[in-house]
C-alpha atoms as a PDB file:
ATOM      1  CA  MET A   1     -56.742 -54.694  57.051  1.00  0.00           C
ATOM      2  CA  THR A   2     -54.656 -51.338  58.051  1.00  0.00           C
ATOM      3  CA  GLU A   3     -51.273 -50.603  57.982  1.00  0.00           C
ATOM      4  CA  PRO A   4     -49.996 -50.088  61.711  1.00  0.00           C
ATOM      5  CA  ALA A   5     -49.202 -46.533  62.477  1.00  0.00           C
ATOM      6  CA  LEU A   6     -45.502 -46.118  62.172  1.00  0.00           C
ATOM      7  CA  GLN A   7     -43.898 -43.966  65.811  1.00  0.00           C
ATOM      8  CA  SER A   8     -41.669 -40.943  64.109  1.00  0.00           C
ATOM      9  CA  GLN A   9     -38.186 -41.226  64.908  1.00  0.00           C
ATOM     10  CA  PRO A  10     -36.460 -38.153  65.969  1.00  0.00           C
ATOM     11  CA  ALA A  11     -34.094 -36.846  63.350  1.00  0.00           C
ATOM     12  CA  SER A  12     -31.222 -36.012  65.876  1.00  0.00           C
ATOM     13  CA  PRO A  13     -30.244 -36.736  69.000  1.00  0.00           C
ATOM     14  CA  LEU A  14     -30.893 -33.704  70.473  1.00  0.00           C
ATOM     15  CA  GLU A  15     -34.406 -33.581  68.879  1.00  0.00           C
ATOM     16  CA  ALA A  16     -34.456 -37.478  71.159  1.00  0.00           C
ATOM     17  CA  TYR A  17     -33.018 -35.980  74.043  1.00  0.00           C
ATOM     18  CA  LYS A  18     -35.512 -32.978  73.953  1.00  0.00           C
ATOM     19  CA  GLU A  19     -38.891 -35.189  73.589  1.00  0.00           C
ATOM     20  CA  ILE A  20     -37.694 -37.505  76.317  1.00  0.00           C
ATOM     21  CA  LEU A  21     -37.046 -34.589  78.707  1.00  0.00           C
ATOM     22  CA  GLN A  22     -40.292 -32.740  77.784  1.00  0.00           C
ATOM     23  CA  LYS A  23     -42.054 -35.933  78.571  1.00  0.00           C
ATOM     24  CA  VAL A  24     -40.458 -36.217  81.903  1.00  0.00           C
ATOM     25  CA  ILE A  25     -41.359 -32.593  82.934  1.00  0.00           C
ATOM     26  CA  GLU A  26     -45.138 -33.375  81.774  1.00  0.00           C
ATOM     27  CA  THR A  27     -45.496 -36.039  84.116  1.00  0.00           C
ATOM     28  CA  ARG A  28     -43.795 -33.919  86.866  1.00  0.00           C
ATOM     29  CA  PRO A  29     -45.892 -32.353  89.265  1.00  0.00           C
ATOM     30  CA  SER A  30     -47.122 -28.345  88.849  1.00  0.00           C
ATOM     31  CA  GLY A  31     -44.457 -25.984  89.027  1.00  0.00           C
ATOM     32  CA  THR A  32     -41.730 -27.625  88.004  1.00  0.00           C
ATOM     33  CA  ARG A  33     -40.438 -26.014  84.917  1.00  0.00           C
ATOM     34  CA  GLN A  34     -40.832 -23.036  87.597  1.00  0.00           C
ATOM     35  CA  ARG A  35     -38.115 -25.094  89.773  1.00  0.00           C
ATOM     36  CA  LEU A  36     -35.931 -25.820  86.755  1.00  0.00           C
ATOM     37  CA  ALA A  37     -35.884 -21.941  85.753  1.00  0.00           C
ATOM     38  CA  GLU A  38     -34.901 -20.783  89.126  1.00  0.00           C
ATOM     39  CA  GLY A  39     -32.444 -23.787  89.643  1.00  0.00           C
ATOM     40  CA  LEU A  40     -30.692 -22.589  86.352  1.00  0.00           C
ATOM     41  CA  GLY A  41     -30.983 -18.784  86.867  1.00  0.00           C
ATOM     42  CA  LYS A  42     -33.132 -18.599  83.368  1.00  0.00           C
ATOM     43  CA  ASN A  43     -36.351 -17.740  82.731  1.00  0.00           C
ATOM     44  CA  ARG A  44     -39.150 -20.317  81.745  1.00  0.00           C
ATOM     45  CA  SER A  45     -38.858 -19.297  78.309  1.00  0.00           C
ATOM     46  CA  PHE A  46     -35.511 -20.926  77.847  1.00  0.00           C
ATOM     47  CA  ILE A  47     -37.088 -24.010  79.613  1.00  0.00           C
ATOM     48  CA  SER A  48     -39.546 -24.417  76.627  1.00  0.00           C
ATOM     49  CA  GLN A  49     -36.657 -23.707  74.310  1.00  0.00           C
ATOM     50  CA  ILE A  50     -34.638 -26.801  75.594  1.00  0.00           C
ATOM     51  CA  THR A  51     -37.666 -28.626  75.834  1.00  0.00           C
ATOM     52  CA  ASN A  52     -39.019 -28.181  73.064  1.00  0.00           C
ATOM     53  CA  PRO A  53     -37.811 -30.244  69.935  1.00  0.00           C
ATOM     54  CA  ALA A  54     -38.695 -27.827  67.483  1.00  0.00           C
ATOM     55  CA  TYR A  55     -36.491 -25.578  68.735  1.00  0.00           C
ATOM     56  CA  PRO A  56     -32.692 -26.098  68.021  1.00  0.00           C
ATOM     57  CA  THR A  57     -31.504 -24.559  70.967  1.00  0.00           C
ATOM     58  CA  PRO A  58     -29.396 -27.309  72.261  1.00  0.00           C
ATOM     59  CA  VAL A  59     -29.097 -28.138  75.958  1.00  0.00           C
ATOM     60  CA  PRO A  60     -26.226 -26.819  78.006  1.00  0.00           C
ATOM     61  CA  VAL A  61     -23.864 -28.982  79.565  1.00  0.00           C
ATOM     62  CA  GLN A  62     -23.505 -27.097  82.651  1.00  0.00           C
ATOM     63  CA  HIS A  63     -26.926 -27.377  83.287  1.00  0.00           C
ATOM     64  CA  LEU A  64     -27.701 -31.182  83.024  1.00  0.00           C
ATOM     65  CA  GLU A  65     -26.698 -32.427  86.670  1.00  0.00           C
ATOM     66  CA  ILE A  66     -29.342 -29.596  87.836  1.00  0.00           C
ATOM     67  CA  ILE A  67     -32.047 -30.932  85.245  1.00  0.00           C
ATOM     68  CA  PHE A  68     -31.019 -34.341  86.283  1.00  0.00           C
ATOM     69  CA  HIS A  69     -31.530 -33.132  90.099  1.00  0.00           C
ATOM     70  CA  ILE A  70     -34.719 -31.519  89.506  1.00  0.00           C
ATOM     71  CA  CYS A  71     -36.669 -33.612  87.014  1.00  0.00           C
ATOM     72  CA  HIS A  72     -35.616 -36.771  89.043  1.00  0.00           C
ATOM     73  CA  PHE A  73     -35.037 -39.225  86.293  1.00  0.00           C
ATOM     74  CA  THR A  74     -35.982 -42.593  86.615  1.00  0.00           C
ATOM     75  CA  ASN A  75     -35.163 -46.073  85.648  1.00  0.00           C
ATOM     76  CA  GLY A  76     -38.366 -46.551  84.653  1.00  0.00           C
ATOM     77  CA  LEU A  77     -38.475 -44.070  81.952  1.00  0.00           C
ATOM     78  CA  GLU A  78     -39.628 -45.491  78.336  1.00  0.00           C
ATOM     79  CA  ILE A  79     -37.076 -44.110  76.458  1.00  0.00           C
ATOM     80  CA  THR A  80     -36.806 -47.437  73.836  1.00  0.00           C
ATOM     81  CA  ASN A  81     -38.648 -45.617  70.800  1.00  0.00           C
ATOM     82  CA  TYR A  82     -35.169 -43.091  70.903  1.00  0.00           C
ATOM     83  CA  CYS A  83     -32.698 -45.514  70.941  1.00  0.00           C
END
């Protein structure tokens, strides 16, 4: 019998948040990254940095409300693997 595959756990809360944000953006309609960049007054490469767990760039706290508004976080988002 084979062992079940273990899901990799994020190494830090920042990585966990970025993985969640990345999944949320991937499930949104085309253009969400651009709308987010415009809403934050940044370019799309900044959005890539704050949504990629491989980059240590933190998500600035002043941007959180705009991110939540544009990305439409829902209660149905499956985040149990990150908690």
